[in-house]
Amino acid sequence: MAAFDDEPQARKPAAKLTHVIGENVDALSAPELAERIELCRNEIARLEAAKAAREATRAAADAFFKR
């Protein structure tokens, strides 16, 4: 029982969907697999954007130092 009955009950945060590369997917349904695929696509886009930013920084440094 809570210390005070008028205190709101804390809710557990919803579990964040994650995917581990190589994880066994045999028990997942088609909609769950679709969610995982979308999650992976979003992560790929995020990684590609980060890579492009690094390459732009490198190109700017190369131009500045005339490599």
PDB file of N, CA and C in Angstrom:
ATOM      1  N   MET A   1       0.843  -1.178   0.000  1.00  0.00           N
ATOM      2  CA  MET A   1       0.000   0.000   0.000  1.00  0.00           C
ATOM      3  C   MET A   1       0.884   1.235   0.000  1.00  0.00           C
ATOM      4  N   ALA A   2       0.519   2.236  -0.768  1.00  0.00           N
ATOM      5  CA  ALA A   2       1.280   3.476  -0.867  1.00  0.00           C
ATOM      6  C   ALA A   2       1.208   4.225   0.454  1.00  0.00           C
ATOM      7  N   ALA A   3       2.204   5.057   0.708  1.00  0.00           N
ATOM      8  CA  ALA A   3       2.243   5.833   1.940  1.00  0.00           C
ATOM      9  C   ALA A   3       1.036   6.759   2.047  1.00  0.00           C
ATOM     10  N   PHE A   4       0.621   7.309   0.945  1.00  0.00           N
ATOM     11  CA  PHE A   4      -0.545   8.176   0.905  1.00  0.00           C
ATOM     12  C   PHE A   4      -1.457   7.707  -0.218  1.00  0.00           C
ATOM     13  N   ASP A   5      -2.728   7.542   0.091  1.00  0.00           N
ATOM     14  CA  ASP A   5      -3.656   7.025  -0.904  1.00  0.00           C
ATOM     15  C   ASP A   5      -3.893   7.983  -2.060  1.00  0.00           C
ATOM     16  N   ASP A   6      -3.633   9.294  -1.873  1.00  0.00           N
ATOM     17  CA  ASP A   6      -3.900  10.253  -2.940  1.00  0.00           C
ATOM     18  C   ASP A   6      -2.711  10.416  -3.893  1.00  0.00           C
ATOM     19  N   GLU A   7      -1.604   9.700  -3.662  1.00  0.00           N
ATOM     20  CA  GLU A   7      -0.462   9.759  -4.573  1.00  0.00           C
ATOM     21  C   GLU A   7      -0.775   8.967  -5.837  1.00  0.00           C
ATOM     22  N   PRO A   8      -0.482   9.543  -7.002  1.00  0.00           N
ATOM     23  CA  PRO A   8      -0.727   8.782  -8.237  1.00  0.00           C
ATOM     24  C   PRO A   8       0.224   7.591  -8.324  1.00  0.00           C
ATOM     25  N   GLN A   9      -0.286   6.513  -8.858  1.00  0.00           N
ATOM     26  CA  GLN A   9       0.534   5.318  -9.021  1.00  0.00           C
ATOM     27  C   GLN A   9       1.486   5.527 -10.196  1.00  0.00           C
ATOM     28  N   ALA A  10       2.739   5.237  -9.987  1.00  0.00           N
ATOM     29  CA  ALA A  10       3.729   5.369 -11.053  1.00  0.00           C
ATOM     30  C   ALA A  10       3.529   4.245 -12.053  1.00  0.00           C
ATOM     31  N   ARG A  11       3.509   4.608 -13.319  1.00  0.00           N
ATOM     32  CA  ARG A  11       3.375   3.602 -14.369  1.00  0.00           C
ATOM     33  C   ARG A  11       4.755   3.248 -14.892  1.00  0.00           C
ATOM     34  N   LYS A  12       4.885   2.005 -15.243  1.00  0.00           N
ATOM     35  CA  LYS A  12       6.143   1.579 -15.861  1.00  0.00           C
ATOM     36  C   LYS A  12       6.166   2.120 -17.285  1.00  0.00           C
ATOM     37  N   PRO A  13       7.308   2.644 -17.706  1.00  0.00           N
ATOM     38  CA  PRO A  13       7.375   3.110 -19.091  1.00  0.00           C
ATOM     39  C   PRO A  13       7.243   1.930 -20.052  1.00  0.00           C
ATOM     40  N   ALA A  14       6.628   2.195 -21.187  1.00  0.00           N
ATOM     41  CA  ALA A  14       6.468   1.141 -22.192  1.00  0.00           C
ATOM     42  C   ALA A  14       7.844   0.679 -22.657  1.00  0.00           C
ATOM     43  N   ALA A  15       7.967  -0.599 -22.850  1.00  0.00           N
ATOM     44  CA  ALA A  15       9.245  -1.152 -23.312  1.00  0.00           C
ATOM     45  C   ALA A  15       9.523  -0.644 -24.719  1.00  0.00           C
ATOM     46  N   LYS A  16      10.729  -0.164 -24.928  1.00  0.00           N
ATOM     47  CA  LYS A  16      11.119   0.337 -26.236  1.00  0.00           C
ATOM     48  C   LYS A  16      11.473  -0.848 -27.126  1.00  0.00           C
ATOM     49  N   LEU A  17      10.911  -0.835 -28.326  1.00  0.00           N
ATOM     50  CA  LEU A  17      11.189  -1.910 -29.271  1.00  0.00           C
ATOM     51  C   LEU A  17      12.642  -1.836 -29.701  1.00  0.00           C
ATOM     52  N   THR A  18      13.325  -2.943 -29.631  1.00  0.00           N
ATOM     53  CA  THR A  18      14.713  -3.019 -30.068  1.00  0.00           C
ATOM     54  C   THR A  18      14.897  -4.273 -30.905  1.00  0.00           C
ATOM     55  N   HIS A  19      15.960  -4.272 -31.644  1.00  0.00           N
ATOM     56  CA  HIS A  19      16.314  -5.462 -32.399  1.00  0.00           C
ATOM     57  C   HIS A  19      17.814  -5.669 -32.292  1.00  0.00           C
ATOM     58  N   VAL A  20      18.192  -6.882 -32.048  1.00  0.00           N
ATOM     59  CA  VAL A  20      19.604  -7.249 -31.965  1.00  0.00           C
ATOM     60  C   VAL A  20      19.953  -8.003 -33.241  1.00  0.00           C
ATOM     61  N   ILE A  21      21.006  -7.555 -33.907  1.00  0.00           N
ATOM     62  CA  ILE A  21      21.426  -8.209 -35.141  1.00  0.00           C
ATOM     63  C   ILE A  21      21.724  -9.681 -34.850  1.00  0.00           C
ATOM     64  N   GLY A  22      21.160 -10.559 -35.656  1.00  0.00           N
ATOM     65  CA  GLY A  22      21.369 -11.993 -35.487  1.00  0.00           C
ATOM     66  C   GLY A  22      20.412 -12.645 -34.511  1.00  0.00           C
ATOM     67  N   GLU A  23      19.524 -11.861 -33.924  1.00  0.00           N
ATOM     68  CA  GLU A  23      18.557 -12.390 -32.958  1.00  0.00           C
ATOM     69  C   GLU A  23      17.617 -13.386 -33.638  1.00  0.00           C
ATOM     70  N   ASN A  24      17.227 -14.429 -32.925  1.00  0.00           N
ATOM     71  CA  ASN A  24      16.293 -15.414 -33.454  1.00  0.00           C
ATOM     72  C   ASN A  24      14.928 -14.747 -33.633  1.00  0.00           C
ATOM     73  N   VAL A  25      14.390 -14.807 -34.850  1.00  0.00           N
ATOM     74  CA  VAL A  25      13.109 -14.163 -35.146  1.00  0.00           C
ATOM     75  C   VAL A  25      11.996 -15.176 -35.422  1.00  0.00           C
ATOM     76  N   ASP A  26      12.247 -16.438 -35.158  1.00  0.00           N
ATOM     77  CA  ASP A  26      11.265 -17.482 -35.449  1.00  0.00           C
ATOM     78  C   ASP A  26       9.935 -17.288 -34.718  1.00  0.00           C
ATOM     79  N   ALA A  27       9.958 -16.738 -33.528  1.00  0.00           N
ATOM     80  CA  ALA A  27       8.743 -16.598 -32.729  1.00  0.00           C
ATOM     81  C   ALA A  27       7.986 -15.303 -33.006  1.00  0.00           C
ATOM     82  N   LEU A  28       8.496 -14.461 -33.889  1.00  0.00           N
ATOM     83  CA  LEU A  28       7.848 -13.179 -34.160  1.00  0.00           C
ATOM     84  C   LEU A  28       6.778 -13.325 -35.237  1.00  0.00           C
ATOM     85  N   SER A  29       5.694 -12.562 -35.073  1.00  0.00           N
ATOM     86  CA  SER A  29       4.628 -12.553 -36.076  1.00  0.00           C
ATOM     87  C   SER A  29       5.017 -11.647 -37.237  1.00  0.00           C
ATOM     88  N   ALA A  30       4.242 -11.718 -38.314  1.00  0.00           N
ATOM     89  CA  ALA A  30       4.509 -10.866 -39.478  1.00  0.00           C
ATOM     90  C   ALA A  30       4.457  -9.378 -39.107  1.00  0.00           C
ATOM     91  N   PRO A  31       3.460  -8.909 -38.332  1.00  0.00           N
ATOM     92  CA  PRO A  31       3.466  -7.487 -37.944  1.00  0.00           C
ATOM     93  C   PRO A  31       4.671  -7.106 -37.071  1.00  0.00           C
ATOM     94  N   GLU A  32       5.088  -8.020 -36.215  1.00  0.00           N
ATOM     95  CA  GLU A  32       6.276  -7.755 -35.398  1.00  0.00           C
ATOM     96  C   GLU A  32       7.523  -7.670 -36.271  1.00  0.00           C
ATOM     97  N   LEU A  33       7.612  -8.535 -37.259  1.00  0.00           N
ATOM     98  CA  LEU A  33       8.744  -8.487 -38.181  1.00  0.00           C
ATOM     99  C   LEU A  33       8.733  -7.183 -38.974  1.00  0.00           C
ATOM    100  N   ALA A  34       7.548  -6.733 -39.384  1.00  0.00           N
ATOM    101  CA  ALA A  34       7.434  -5.458 -40.107  1.00  0.00           C
ATOM    102  C   ALA A  34       7.916  -4.303 -39.235  1.00  0.00           C
ATOM    103  N   GLU A  35       7.579  -4.343 -37.953  1.00  0.00           N
ATOM    104  CA  GLU A  35       8.055  -3.309 -37.030  1.00  0.00           C
ATOM    105  C   GLU A  35       9.579  -3.330 -36.924  1.00  0.00           C
ATOM    106  N   ARG A  36      10.130  -4.520 -36.825  1.00  0.00           N
ATOM    107  CA  ARG A  36      11.593  -4.648 -36.735  1.00  0.00           C
ATOM    108  C   ARG A  36      12.264  -4.140 -38.002  1.00  0.00           C
ATOM    109  N   ILE A  37      11.679  -4.459 -39.162  1.00  0.00           N
ATOM    110  CA  ILE A  37      12.242  -3.998 -40.433  1.00  0.00           C
ATOM    111  C   ILE A  37      12.232  -2.479 -40.486  1.00  0.00           C
ATOM    112  N   GLU A  38      11.122  -1.860 -40.082  1.00  0.00           N
ATOM    113  CA  GLU A  38      11.036  -0.392 -40.083  1.00  0.00           C
ATOM    114  C   GLU A  38      12.044   0.203 -39.099  1.00  0.00           C
ATOM    115  N   LEU A  39      12.213  -0.433 -37.963  1.00  0.00           N
ATOM    116  CA  LEU A  39      13.198   0.014 -36.984  1.00  0.00           C
ATOM    117  C   LEU A  39      14.605  -0.026 -37.589  1.00  0.00           C
ATOM    118  N   CYS A  40      14.917  -1.112 -38.288  1.00  0.00           N
ATOM    119  CA  CYS A  40      16.240  -1.237 -38.924  1.00  0.00           C
ATOM    120  C   CYS A  40      16.418  -0.209 -40.040  1.00  0.00           C
ATOM    121  N   ARG A  41      15.371   0.024 -40.827  1.00  0.00           N
ATOM    122  CA  ARG A  41      15.462   1.040 -41.893  1.00  0.00           C
ATOM    123  C   ARG A  41      15.733   2.424 -41.308  1.00  0.00           C
ATOM    124  N   ASN A  42      15.043   2.754 -40.222  1.00  0.00           N
ATOM    125  CA  ASN A  42      15.263   4.050 -39.574  1.00  0.00           C
ATOM    126  C   ASN A  42      16.685   4.160 -39.030  1.00  0.00           C
ATOM    127  N   GLU A  43      17.184   3.070 -38.482  1.00  0.00           N
ATOM    128  CA  GLU A  43      18.545   3.082 -37.955  1.00  0.00           C
ATOM    129  C   GLU A  43      19.568   3.220 -39.082  1.00  0.00           C
ATOM    130  N   ILE A  44      19.323   2.563 -40.201  1.00  0.00           N
ATOM    131  CA  ILE A  44      20.221   2.692 -41.354  1.00  0.00           C
ATOM    132  C   ILE A  44      20.248   4.142 -41.830  1.00  0.00           C
ATOM    133  N   ALA A  45      19.083   4.771 -41.909  1.00  0.00           N
ATOM    134  CA  ALA A  45      19.019   6.176 -42.339  1.00  0.00           C
ATOM    135  C   ALA A  45      19.785   7.072 -41.370  1.00  0.00           C
ATOM    136  N   ARG A  46      19.650   6.806 -40.086  1.00  0.00           N
ATOM    137  CA  ARG A  46      20.368   7.592 -39.076  1.00  0.00           C
ATOM    138  C   ARG A  46      21.874   7.419 -39.216  1.00  0.00           C
ATOM    139  N   LEU A  47      22.310   6.192 -39.437  1.00  0.00           N
ATOM    140  CA  LEU A  47      23.736   5.916 -39.606  1.00  0.00           C
ATOM    141  C   LEU A  47      24.285   6.536 -40.882  1.00  0.00           C
ATOM    142  N   GLU A  48      23.510   6.483 -41.971  1.00  0.00           N
ATOM    143  CA  GLU A  48      23.955   7.091 -43.218  1.00  0.00           C
ATOM    144  C   GLU A  48      24.084   8.606 -43.085  1.00  0.00           C
ATOM    145  N   ALA A  49      23.164   9.237 -42.350  1.00  0.00           N
ATOM    146  CA  ALA A  49      23.242  10.683 -42.123  1.00  0.00           C
ATOM    147  C   ALA A  49      24.480  11.033 -41.295  1.00  0.00           C
ATOM    148  N   ALA A  50      24.769  10.234 -40.286  1.00  0.00           N
ATOM    149  CA  ALA A  50      25.955  10.469 -39.461  1.00  0.00           C
ATOM    150  C   ALA A  50      27.224  10.288 -40.288  1.00  0.00           C
ATOM    151  N   LYS A  51      27.243   9.286 -41.148  1.00  0.00           N
ATOM    152  CA  LYS A  51      28.400   9.038 -42.021  1.00  0.00           C
ATOM    153  C   LYS A  51      28.594  10.214 -42.981  1.00  0.00           C
ATOM    154  N   ALA A  52      27.508  10.698 -43.568  1.00  0.00           N
ATOM    155  CA  ALA A  52      27.597  11.837 -44.493  1.00  0.00           C
ATOM    156  C   ALA A  52      28.130  13.073 -43.779  1.00  0.00           C
ATOM    157  N   ALA A  53      27.704  13.281 -42.538  1.00  0.00           N
ATOM    158  CA  ALA A  53      28.198  14.425 -41.766  1.00  0.00           C
ATOM    159  C   ALA A  53      29.699  14.298 -41.514  1.00  0.00           C
ATOM    160  N   ARG A  54      30.146  13.092 -41.183  1.00  0.00           N
ATOM    161  CA  ARG A  54      31.585  12.874 -40.949  1.00  0.00           C
ATOM    162  C   ARG A  54      32.384  13.120 -42.227  1.00  0.00           C
ATOM    163  N   GLU A  55      31.843  12.632 -43.358  1.00  0.00           N
ATOM    164  CA  GLU A  55      32.532  12.817 -44.628  1.00  0.00           C
ATOM    165  C   GLU A  55      32.599  14.293 -45.008  1.00  0.00           C
ATOM    166  N   ALA A  56      31.534  15.054 -44.735  1.00  0.00           N
ATOM    167  CA  ALA A  56      31.533  16.483 -45.032  1.00  0.00           C
ATOM    168  C   ALA A  56      32.551  17.211 -44.165  1.00  0.00           C
ATOM    169  N   THR A  57      32.644  16.822 -42.902  1.00  0.00           N
ATOM    170  CA  THR A  57      33.629  17.421 -42.004  1.00  0.00           C
ATOM    171  C   THR A  57      35.039  17.120 -42.499  1.00  0.00           C
ATOM    172  N   ARG A  58      35.261  15.899 -42.917  1.00  0.00           N
ATOM    173  CA  ARG A  58      36.578  15.500 -43.418  1.00  0.00           C
ATOM    174  C   ARG A  58      36.933  16.268 -44.693  1.00  0.00           C
ATOM    175  N   ALA A  59      35.954  16.407 -45.590  1.00  0.00           N
ATOM    176  CA  ALA A  59      36.187  17.133 -46.840  1.00  0.00           C
ATOM    177  C   ALA A  59      36.513  18.601 -46.562  1.00  0.00           C
ATOM    178  N   ALA A  60      35.821  19.200 -45.592  1.00  0.00           N
ATOM    179  CA  ALA A  60      36.089  20.586 -45.232  1.00  0.00           C
ATOM    180  C   ALA A  60      37.496  20.722 -44.656  1.00  0.00           C
ATOM    181  N   ALA A  61      37.903  19.788 -43.835  1.00  0.00           N
ATOM    182  CA  ALA A  61      39.246  19.817 -43.240  1.00  0.00           C
ATOM    183  C   ALA A  61      40.294  19.618 -44.325  1.00  0.00           C
ATOM    184  N   ASP A  62      40.044  18.691 -45.236  1.00  0.00           N
ATOM    185  CA  ASP A  62      40.993  18.460 -46.333  1.00  0.00           C
ATOM    186  C   ASP A  62      41.138  19.708 -47.194  1.00  0.00           C
ATOM    187  N   ALA A  63      40.025  20.380 -47.463  1.00  0.00           N
ATOM    188  CA  ALA A  63      40.076  21.593 -48.279  1.00  0.00           C
ATOM    189  C   ALA A  63      40.830  22.707 -47.547  1.00  0.00           C
ATOM    190  N   PHE A  64      40.606  22.811 -46.247  1.00  0.00           N
ATOM    191  CA  PHE A  64      41.265  23.841 -45.459  1.00  0.00           C
ATOM    192  C   PHE A  64      42.770  23.614 -45.419  1.00  0.00           C
ATOM    193  N   PHE A  65      43.167  22.356 -45.222  1.00  0.00           N
ATOM    194  CA  PHE A  65      44.594  22.049 -45.125  1.00  0.00           C
ATOM    195  C   PHE A  65      45.189  21.638 -46.466  1.00  0.00           C
ATOM    196  N   LYS A  66      44.401  21.702 -47.534  1.00  0.00           N
ATOM    197  CA  LYS A  66      44.822  21.417 -48.911  1.00  0.00           C
ATOM    198  C   LYS A  66      45.577  20.104 -49.034  1.00  0.00           C
ATOM    199  N   ARG A  67      44.903  19.069 -48.658  1.00  0.00           N
ATOM    200  CA  ARG A  67      45.502  17.725 -48.759  1.00  0.00           C
ATOM    201  C   ARG A  67      45.521  17.286 -50.183  1.00  0.00           C
TER     202      ARG A  67
END
